[in-house]
């Protein structure tokens, strides 16, 4: 299916990204430590049984102007060592309440720039995780890497430590664009890096690209897409740059006049979709493309794709997320819990109590159900409402009531061939996945379109 910019323009509104439901904007301050620990204990008796672990490394050697992540510029090796000590203490505190017979099926390191710190710290933390938890033999151990700091010896060390997937934050292959966002170019040729990763036995390599950055044009981004295809990456992610300087002050260093216009940005997305799919990639969710043999593609084909704050994964590797580090968000069966963002405050709290909670949210049964529906739409583009009702021990009528669903809300999508709905089963078309956030919003009874609250949906 080839898509055009025409239908995208009318759907390019603002809305939640739905990495959680309710979205993180609904989290409330003041989550008590005993409430969180009780939620951890309860998670042992809830599904999914598996464990996902997220480790947040906030440090960066320089701050990219476009980035909205929780980052801290390097101050000293002593501070990094102190942070790692705190990470380990937090892991010990939480692990004490998690049953040992549960399997870890996913470990994800994000940031910040996890591979910018000395990798002996990474080995230290991974060693503790393997001491405190039981790892499944198919566990995915992944790290987000800035290729500016990734050498072949680093790959060797990560391989020995047990990593089997890396995500390379390319963002753009053009050095003038990288300079405009204050980002260093890759240390080595990306094609050679990916080739070496595969030789070392890494089961998957992701490339991240961002469209809508300063100095980008449709033509230059088309070059990025073709270069990405030539690297033979297993997955490519095409993130939309959200220019929200009122939320991320660092973006004030980017001149709005240097950004591509809305029409050109949509053209970049269309070009990415058409080129990747023409070259054999399957579109996954709203912004991922994967080779047909990749586990994400196979999971989507069997309606077994999942998504959390770390991105898309399979339901086989899906676990309740226990997150460690400043700003990290745990996603348990009945609650979300986010750590303190400020680095020094996070470390002081961990050193005092072993925990550093800042805000969170306890889910009602209805919210769990709505979140499940939205996740299925966002991931698999498919919902069978009778099966969903059966899973949650309720009725289809109750689902439609709590989501405030009216079939007329789907009419525009159906008219544009973006989905089909027979009264029970919702199927999103490949093109419809490009605007899947808009479709998911139909089943969110709390959603409001508010300027400066959410990013653009496309």
Protein backbone atom coordinates (compact mmCIF):
# COMPACT_ATOMS: atom_id res chain seq x y z
CA UNK A 1 0.00 0.00 0.00
CA UNK A 2 1.37 3.41 -0.97
CA UNK A 3 0.31 6.35 1.17
CA UNK A 4 0.21 10.06 0.36
CA UNK A 5 0.29 13.23 2.44
CA UNK A 6 -3.33 14.05 1.63
CA UNK A 7 -5.13 12.09 4.34
CA UNK A 8 -2.35 12.69 6.89
CA UNK A 9 -2.83 16.45 6.98
CA UNK A 10 -6.31 16.34 8.46
CA UNK A 11 -5.25 13.87 11.15
CA UNK A 12 -2.19 15.80 12.31
CA UNK A 13 -3.59 17.01 15.63
CA UNK A 14 -2.27 16.76 19.19
CA UNK A 15 -2.71 13.74 21.41
CA UNK A 16 -1.11 11.32 23.89
CA UNK A 17 1.63 8.92 22.77
CA UNK A 18 -0.02 6.17 24.86
CA UNK A 19 3.14 4.56 26.17
CA UNK A 20 0.89 4.11 29.19
CA UNK A 21 -2.77 4.50 30.03
CA UNK A 22 -3.58 6.81 31.63
CA UNK A 23 -0.70 8.80 30.07
CA UNK A 24 2.16 10.03 32.25
CA UNK A 25 0.54 13.48 32.32
CA UNK A 26 -2.03 11.95 34.71
CA UNK A 27 0.53 10.75 37.27
CA UNK A 28 0.17 12.27 40.74
CA UNK A 29 2.85 13.35 43.18
CA UNK A 30 3.16 11.91 46.65
CA UNK A 31 3.27 8.16 46.04
CA UNK A 32 4.16 6.58 49.39
CA UNK A 33 6.98 4.04 49.66
CA UNK A 34 4.77 1.48 51.41
CA UNK A 35 2.14 1.83 48.65
CA UNK A 36 4.75 1.09 46.00
CA UNK A 37 6.23 -1.86 47.90
CA UNK A 38 2.74 -3.31 48.32
CA UNK A 39 2.23 -2.93 44.56
CA UNK A 40 5.50 -4.78 43.95
CA UNK A 41 4.35 -7.62 46.22
CA UNK A 42 0.96 -7.71 44.49
CA UNK A 43 2.72 -7.89 41.10
CA UNK A 44 4.00 -11.36 42.05
CA UNK A 45 0.41 -12.61 41.83
CA UNK A 46 -0.53 -10.76 38.64
CA UNK A 47 0.04 -11.11 34.93
CA UNK A 48 2.29 -10.92 33.07
CA UNK A 49 4.39 -13.19 35.26
CA UNK A 50 7.61 -12.28 33.47
CA UNK A 51 9.89 -9.44 34.55
CA UNK A 52 11.14 -6.55 32.42
CA UNK A 53 13.91 -4.41 33.87
CA UNK A 54 14.71 -0.86 32.84
CA UNK A 55 17.96 0.85 33.83
CA UNK A 56 18.21 4.61 33.34
CA UNK A 57 21.63 6.19 32.83
CA UNK A 58 21.10 9.98 32.70
CA UNK A 59 24.65 11.02 31.79
CA UNK A 60 25.66 12.63 28.48
CA UNK A 61 28.95 14.21 27.44
CA UNK A 62 26.97 16.92 25.65
CA UNK A 63 23.28 17.75 25.45
CA UNK A 64 21.55 17.40 22.09
CA UNK A 65 19.24 20.36 21.55
CA UNK A 66 16.34 18.27 20.24
CA UNK A 67 16.30 15.71 23.06
CA UNK A 68 13.51 15.60 25.63
CA UNK A 69 15.00 12.80 27.75
CA UNK A 70 16.09 13.18 31.36
CA UNK A 71 19.81 13.86 31.00
CA UNK A 72 22.70 15.26 33.05
CA UNK A 73 26.02 16.51 31.72
CA UNK A 74 29.12 14.79 33.07
CA UNK A 75 30.52 16.35 36.21
CA UNK A 76 32.97 13.77 37.55
CA UNK A 77 33.77 10.06 37.64
CA UNK A 78 32.97 10.18 41.34
CA UNK A 79 29.39 11.24 40.65
CA UNK A 80 28.94 8.43 38.14
CA UNK A 81 30.28 5.92 40.65
CA UNK A 82 27.93 7.31 43.30
CA UNK A 83 25.00 6.99 40.88
CA UNK A 84 25.86 3.37 40.07
CA UNK A 85 26.06 2.61 43.79
CA UNK A 86 22.57 4.10 44.19
CA UNK A 87 21.25 2.08 41.25
CA UNK A 88 22.47 -1.10 42.89
CA UNK A 89 20.95 -0.16 46.24
CA UNK A 90 17.59 0.55 44.60
CA UNK A 91 17.72 -2.80 42.78
CA UNK A 92 18.48 -4.58 46.06
CA UNK A 93 15.58 -2.80 47.79
CA UNK A 94 12.98 -3.75 45.19
CA UNK A 95 14.34 -7.23 44.41
CA UNK A 96 13.77 -8.23 48.02
CA UNK A 97 10.02 -8.16 47.35
CA UNK A 98 10.00 -9.96 43.98
CA UNK A 99 9.57 -13.73 43.94
CA UNK A 100 12.70 -15.52 42.70
CA UNK A 101 10.88 -18.02 40.48
CA UNK A 102 9.79 -15.32 38.04
CA UNK A 103 11.83 -15.01 34.84
CA UNK A 104 13.50 -11.89 33.52
CA UNK A 105 12.72 -11.79 29.81
CA UNK A 106 13.77 -8.23 28.99
CA UNK A 107 16.47 -5.82 30.18
CA UNK A 108 16.66 -2.38 28.61
CA UNK A 109 19.27 0.31 29.24
CA UNK A 110 18.22 3.82 28.28
CA UNK A 111 19.17 7.40 29.03
CA UNK A 112 20.84 9.74 28.60
CA UNK A 113 23.66 7.93 26.89
CA UNK A 114 24.23 4.56 28.56
CA UNK A 115 27.28 3.70 26.46
CA UNK A 116 29.04 6.98 27.31
CA UNK A 117 29.96 5.80 30.81
CA UNK A 118 32.76 3.34 31.53
CA UNK A 119 31.36 -0.06 30.61
CA UNK A 120 32.75 -1.67 33.76
CA UNK A 121 29.84 0.08 35.53
CA UNK A 122 27.46 -1.68 33.14
CA UNK A 123 29.10 -5.02 33.87
CA UNK A 124 28.80 -4.34 37.59
CA UNK A 125 25.05 -3.68 37.43
CA UNK A 126 24.38 -6.59 35.06
CA UNK A 127 26.27 -8.86 37.46
CA UNK A 128 23.99 -7.79 40.30
CA UNK A 129 20.87 -8.36 38.21
CA UNK A 130 21.98 -11.90 37.40
CA UNK A 131 22.63 -12.52 41.10
CA UNK A 132 19.22 -11.29 42.20
CA UNK A 133 17.02 -12.54 39.34
CA UNK A 134 16.60 -15.61 37.13
CA UNK A 135 17.12 -14.81 33.45
CA UNK A 136 15.21 -16.67 30.73
CA UNK A 137 17.45 -18.22 28.10
CA UNK A 138 15.66 -16.08 25.49
CA UNK A 139 15.97 -12.84 27.49
CA UNK A 140 16.43 -9.73 25.36
CA UNK A 141 19.22 -7.55 26.79
CA UNK A 142 19.30 -4.23 24.95
CA UNK A 143 20.96 -0.84 25.17
CA UNK A 144 20.32 2.50 23.50
CA UNK A 145 23.71 3.62 22.13
CA UNK A 146 25.04 6.84 20.71
CA UNK A 147 27.29 5.70 17.81
CA UNK A 148 29.62 8.64 18.55
CA UNK A 149 30.90 6.64 21.54
CA UNK A 150 30.57 3.09 20.21
CA UNK A 151 33.81 1.42 19.09
CA UNK A 152 34.40 -2.19 18.12
CA UNK A 153 36.05 -2.91 21.50
CA UNK A 154 32.92 -1.55 23.20
CA UNK A 155 30.83 -3.98 21.18
CA UNK A 156 33.11 -6.81 22.30
CA UNK A 157 32.65 -5.80 25.93
CA UNK A 158 28.87 -5.49 25.63
CA UNK A 159 28.71 -8.91 23.99
CA UNK A 160 30.68 -10.51 26.83
CA UNK A 161 28.35 -8.79 29.32
CA UNK A 162 25.35 -10.51 27.75
CA UNK A 163 23.82 -7.84 25.50
CA UNK A 164 22.17 -9.18 22.36
CA UNK A 165 20.43 -6.09 20.92
CA UNK A 166 21.62 -2.53 20.38
CA UNK A 167 19.67 0.51 19.25
CA UNK A 168 21.86 3.02 17.41
CA UNK A 169 20.71 6.62 17.72
CA UNK A 170 21.74 7.84 14.28
CA UNK A 171 19.01 10.54 14.09
CA UNK A 172 20.42 11.78 10.76
CA UNK A 173 23.35 10.76 8.54
CA UNK A 174 24.19 14.37 7.58
CA UNK A 175 26.82 16.14 9.66
CA UNK A 176 25.28 19.60 9.15
CA UNK A 177 22.02 18.37 10.72
CA UNK A 178 23.90 16.73 13.59
CA UNK A 179 25.82 19.97 14.18
CA UNK A 180 22.54 21.91 14.25
CA UNK A 181 21.28 19.70 17.10
CA UNK A 182 24.67 19.64 18.90
CA UNK A 183 25.27 15.94 18.26
CA UNK A 184 28.55 14.28 17.34
CA UNK A 185 28.83 12.12 14.22
CA UNK A 186 29.32 8.33 14.53
CA UNK A 187 32.73 7.08 15.57
CA UNK A 188 32.72 4.45 12.79
CA UNK A 189 30.83 3.81 9.58
CA UNK A 190 27.34 2.62 10.54
CA UNK A 191 27.27 -0.14 7.94
CA UNK A 192 30.57 -1.50 9.25
CA UNK A 193 29.32 -1.24 12.84
CA UNK A 194 26.16 -3.21 12.07
CA UNK A 195 28.15 -5.82 10.16
CA UNK A 196 30.45 -6.26 13.16
CA UNK A 197 27.51 -6.48 15.57
CA UNK A 198 26.01 -9.32 13.55
CA UNK A 199 29.38 -11.08 13.38
CA UNK A 200 29.53 -10.88 17.18
CA UNK A 201 26.20 -12.65 17.45
CA UNK A 202 23.87 -9.74 18.24
CA UNK A 203 20.39 -10.96 17.41
CA UNK A 204 19.04 -7.56 16.46
CA UNK A 205 20.19 -4.08 15.58
CA UNK A 206 17.93 -1.02 15.53
CA UNK A 207 18.57 2.29 13.82
CA UNK A 208 16.80 5.42 15.08
CA UNK A 209 16.08 8.28 12.67
CA UNK A 210 14.28 11.53 13.49
CA UNK A 211 12.34 13.51 10.91
CA UNK A 212 11.51 17.20 11.28
CA UNK A 213 14.96 18.24 12.54
CA UNK A 214 16.58 21.58 11.64
CA UNK A 215 18.08 21.82 8.13
CA UNK A 216 16.38 18.62 7.01
CA UNK A 217 14.61 18.55 3.67
CA UNK A 218 12.49 15.87 2.03
CA UNK A 219 15.45 15.12 -0.25
CA UNK A 220 18.00 14.86 2.56
CA UNK A 221 15.72 12.65 4.64
CA UNK A 222 15.16 10.43 1.62
CA UNK A 223 18.94 9.95 1.57
CA UNK A 224 18.76 8.93 5.25
CA UNK A 225 16.13 6.31 4.46
CA UNK A 226 18.13 4.80 1.60
CA UNK A 227 21.30 4.72 3.72
CA UNK A 228 19.39 3.00 6.50
CA UNK A 229 18.15 0.33 4.07
CA UNK A 230 21.73 -0.27 2.87
CA UNK A 231 23.00 -0.84 6.42
CA UNK A 232 20.89 -4.02 6.63
CA UNK A 233 19.50 -3.02 10.04
CA UNK A 234 16.88 -5.40 11.42
CA UNK A 235 14.63 -2.53 12.53
CA UNK A 236 14.42 1.16 11.76
CA UNK A 237 12.52 3.65 13.87
CA UNK A 238 11.41 6.99 12.42
CA UNK A 239 10.58 9.33 15.28
CA UNK A 240 8.82 12.64 14.72
CA UNK A 241 10.67 15.59 16.23
CA UNK A 242 8.30 17.52 18.50
CA UNK A 243 9.35 21.15 18.82
CA UNK A 244 8.02 21.99 22.30
CA UNK A 245 10.45 24.56 23.77
CA UNK A 246 7.89 25.52 26.45
CA UNK A 247 8.37 21.98 27.83
CA UNK A 248 12.00 21.41 26.84
CA UNK A 249 13.91 24.73 27.16
CA UNK A 250 16.99 23.27 25.45
CA UNK A 251 14.99 23.36 22.21
CA UNK A 252 15.08 27.17 22.34
CA UNK A 253 18.58 26.78 20.90
CA UNK A 254 16.98 25.51 17.70
CA UNK A 255 15.74 28.24 15.40
CA UNK A 256 12.14 27.57 14.41
CA UNK A 257 12.94 28.99 10.97
CA UNK A 258 15.44 26.15 10.38
CA UNK A 259 12.76 23.48 10.83
CA UNK A 260 11.00 21.92 7.84
CA UNK A 261 7.40 22.99 7.38
CA UNK A 262 4.48 20.78 8.35
CA UNK A 263 3.86 19.72 4.75
CA UNK A 264 7.50 18.79 4.15
CA UNK A 265 7.61 16.89 7.42
CA UNK A 266 4.57 14.83 6.41
CA UNK A 267 6.24 14.15 3.07
CA UNK A 268 9.24 12.73 4.96
CA UNK A 269 6.98 10.32 6.84
CA UNK A 270 5.23 9.23 3.64
CA UNK A 271 8.56 8.72 1.90
CA UNK A 272 9.83 6.64 4.82
CA UNK A 273 6.71 4.46 4.81
CA UNK A 274 6.75 3.88 1.07
CA UNK A 275 10.50 3.31 0.76
CA UNK A 276 10.86 0.95 3.71
CA UNK A 277 7.84 -1.13 2.75
CA UNK A 278 9.01 -1.23 -0.89
CA UNK A 279 12.31 -2.64 0.39
CA UNK A 280 10.67 -5.47 2.30
CA UNK A 281 10.27 -3.93 5.74
CA UNK A 282 6.99 -4.37 7.64
CA UNK A 283 5.54 -1.30 9.35
CA UNK A 284 5.23 -1.95 13.07
CA UNK A 285 3.01 0.30 15.12
CA UNK A 286 3.18 3.98 14.26
CA UNK A 287 6.89 4.50 13.74
CA UNK A 288 8.80 1.20 13.49
CA UNK A 289 9.81 -0.82 10.45
CA UNK A 290 11.17 -4.36 10.76
CA UNK A 291 12.33 -7.09 8.42
CA UNK A 292 9.80 -9.89 7.82
CA UNK A 293 11.89 -12.38 9.81
CA UNK A 294 12.26 -10.07 12.79
CA UNK A 295 10.40 -11.12 15.93
CA UNK A 296 8.40 -7.87 15.94
CA UNK A 297 7.08 -8.55 12.44
CA UNK A 298 6.14 -12.10 13.36
CA UNK A 299 4.50 -10.88 16.57
CA UNK A 300 2.43 -8.33 14.69
CA UNK A 301 1.28 -11.02 12.24
CA UNK A 302 0.04 -13.12 15.16
CA UNK A 303 -1.44 -10.14 17.07
CA UNK A 304 1.11 -10.68 19.86
CA UNK A 305 2.90 -7.33 19.79
CA UNK A 306 3.20 -5.26 22.98
CA UNK A 307 4.50 -1.82 23.91
CA UNK A 308 5.78 -0.09 27.03
CA UNK A 309 7.86 2.98 27.87
CA UNK A 310 10.90 1.26 26.32
CA UNK A 311 9.20 0.67 22.97
CA UNK A 312 7.71 -2.27 21.09
CA UNK A 313 8.34 -5.85 22.19
CA UNK A 314 6.69 -9.25 21.83
CA UNK A 315 4.23 -10.60 24.35
CA UNK A 316 6.71 -13.44 24.90
CA UNK A 317 9.29 -10.99 26.26
CA UNK A 318 6.72 -8.68 27.84
CA UNK A 319 6.94 -8.39 31.58
CA UNK A 320 5.85 -6.04 34.30
CA UNK A 321 8.46 -3.29 34.22
CA UNK A 322 10.63 -2.67 37.28
CA UNK A 323 12.54 0.52 36.53
CA UNK A 324 15.65 1.81 38.27
CA UNK A 325 17.41 5.16 38.13
CA UNK A 326 16.45 8.83 38.09
CA UNK A 327 13.11 9.50 36.32
CA UNK A 328 12.63 5.77 35.57
CA UNK A 329 9.01 4.60 35.40
CA UNK A 330 7.90 1.19 36.68
CA UNK A 331 4.83 -0.27 34.96
CA UNK A 332 3.27 -2.84 37.25
CA UNK A 333 -0.03 -4.65 36.92
CA UNK A 334 -1.89 -2.16 39.09
CA UNK A 335 0.24 0.98 39.16
CA UNK A 336 2.82 3.23 37.56
CA UNK A 337 5.60 4.65 39.71
CA UNK A 338 8.12 7.25 38.56
CA UNK A 339 11.37 8.07 40.32
CA UNK A 340 12.67 11.54 41.16
CA UNK A 341 14.08 13.25 38.06
CA UNK A 342 16.69 15.49 39.67
CA UNK A 343 19.93 13.52 39.94
CA UNK A 344 21.22 14.74 43.31
CA UNK A 345 17.80 14.49 44.92
CA UNK A 346 17.37 10.97 43.52
CA UNK A 347 20.72 9.84 44.93
CA UNK A 348 20.10 11.39 48.35
CA UNK A 349 16.74 9.66 48.60
CA UNK A 350 18.16 6.27 47.59
CA UNK A 351 21.03 6.61 50.05
CA UNK A 352 18.54 7.40 52.83
CA UNK A 353 15.71 4.96 52.13
CA UNK A 354 16.56 2.73 49.16
CA UNK A 355 13.70 4.25 47.13
CA UNK A 356 13.24 7.57 45.31
CA UNK A 357 9.57 7.86 44.33
CA UNK A 358 8.29 11.16 42.95
CA UNK A 359 4.87 10.43 41.49
CA UNK A 360 2.68 7.58 40.32
CA UNK A 361 -0.79 6.29 39.59
CA UNK A 362 -2.89 3.38 40.86
CA UNK A 363 -5.11 1.84 38.19
CA UNK A 364 -8.78 0.96 38.50
CA UNK A 365 -10.11 -2.17 36.79
CA UNK A 366 -11.77 -0.03 34.12
CA UNK A 367 -8.52 1.81 33.44
CA UNK A 368 -6.69 -1.51 33.05
CA UNK A 369 -9.32 -2.56 30.49
CA UNK A 370 -9.16 0.72 28.55
CA UNK A 371 -5.36 0.56 28.59
CA UNK A 372 -5.46 -2.98 27.21
CA UNK A 373 -7.70 -1.88 24.33
CA UNK A 374 -5.52 1.12 23.50
CA UNK A 375 -2.37 -1.01 23.66
CA UNK A 376 -3.86 -3.56 21.24
CA UNK A 377 -4.79 -0.78 18.82
CA UNK A 378 -1.37 0.90 19.09
CA UNK A 379 0.54 -2.35 18.68
CA UNK A 380 -1.46 -4.82 16.64
CA UNK A 381 -4.05 -2.58 15.00
CA UNK A 382 -6.57 -5.22 15.97
CA UNK A 383 -9.19 -5.65 18.70
CA UNK A 384 -11.82 -8.34 19.05
CA UNK A 385 -14.15 -6.84 21.64
CA UNK A 386 -15.83 -10.12 22.57
CA UNK A 387 -12.42 -11.66 23.32
CA UNK A 388 -11.40 -8.53 25.21
CA UNK A 389 -14.57 -8.70 27.32
CA UNK A 390 -13.94 -12.37 28.04
CA UNK A 391 -10.36 -11.64 29.11
CA UNK A 392 -11.47 -8.96 31.58
CA UNK A 393 -14.58 -10.88 32.73
CA UNK A 394 -17.04 -8.25 31.55
CA UNK A 395 -19.30 -7.51 28.58
CA UNK A 396 -18.85 -5.70 25.28
CA UNK A 397 -21.61 -3.33 26.37
CA UNK A 398 -19.60 -2.41 29.46
CA UNK A 399 -16.50 -1.80 27.31
CA UNK A 400 -18.38 0.56 25.02
CA UNK A 401 -19.90 2.33 28.02
CA UNK A 402 -16.65 3.03 29.88
CA UNK A 403 -14.84 4.11 26.70
CA UNK A 404 -17.80 6.30 25.68
CA UNK A 405 -17.58 4.63 22.31
CA UNK A 406 -19.86 5.60 19.45
CA UNK A 407 -19.44 3.95 16.06
CA UNK A 408 -19.84 7.31 14.36
CA UNK A 409 -16.43 8.27 15.78
CA UNK A 410 -14.90 5.76 13.36
CA UNK A 411 -16.75 6.95 10.25
CA UNK A 412 -13.98 9.24 9.03
CA UNK A 413 -11.32 6.55 9.41
CA UNK A 414 -13.50 4.00 7.60
CA UNK A 415 -14.21 6.43 4.76
CA UNK A 416 -10.46 6.92 4.27
CA UNK A 417 -9.84 3.15 4.28
CA UNK A 418 -7.76 3.41 7.45
CA UNK A 419 -9.70 0.75 9.34
CA UNK A 420 -12.65 -1.62 9.20
CA UNK A 421 -15.16 -2.33 11.97
CA UNK A 422 -17.99 -4.88 11.92
CA UNK A 423 -19.44 -4.05 15.32
CA UNK A 424 -17.12 -6.44 17.15
CA UNK A 425 -13.73 -6.56 15.43
CA UNK A 426 -11.59 -3.51 14.70
CA UNK A 427 -8.87 -3.85 12.04
CA UNK A 428 -6.49 -0.99 11.28
CA UNK A 429 -4.99 -0.90 7.77
CA UNK A 430 -1.20 -0.52 7.22
CA UNK A 431 -1.74 3.13 6.27
CA UNK A 432 -3.97 3.59 9.29
CA UNK A 433 -1.08 2.67 11.57
CA UNK A 434 0.52 5.99 10.65
CA UNK A 435 -2.32 7.77 12.46
CA UNK A 436 -2.98 5.05 15.04
CA UNK A 437 -2.75 7.52 17.93
CA UNK A 438 -5.84 9.25 16.54
CA UNK A 439 -7.69 5.93 16.37
CA UNK A 440 -6.68 5.02 19.92
CA UNK A 441 -8.03 8.37 21.15
CA UNK A 442 -11.54 7.23 20.15
CA UNK A 443 -11.44 4.75 23.04
CA UNK A 444 -9.98 7.15 25.60
CA UNK A 445 -12.89 8.71 27.56
CA UNK A 446 -10.60 11.29 29.18
CA UNK A 447 -8.79 12.63 26.13
CA UNK A 448 -8.89 16.33 25.41
CA UNK A 449 -7.07 18.14 22.63
CA UNK A 450 -5.06 20.74 24.48
CA UNK A 451 -2.42 22.99 22.95
CA UNK A 452 1.01 22.65 24.58
CA UNK A 453 -0.09 19.50 26.49
CA UNK A 454 0.67 16.81 23.91
CA UNK A 455 2.85 16.40 20.83
CA UNK A 456 1.47 16.22 17.29
CA UNK A 457 0.09 12.78 16.47
CA UNK A 458 2.08 12.63 13.22
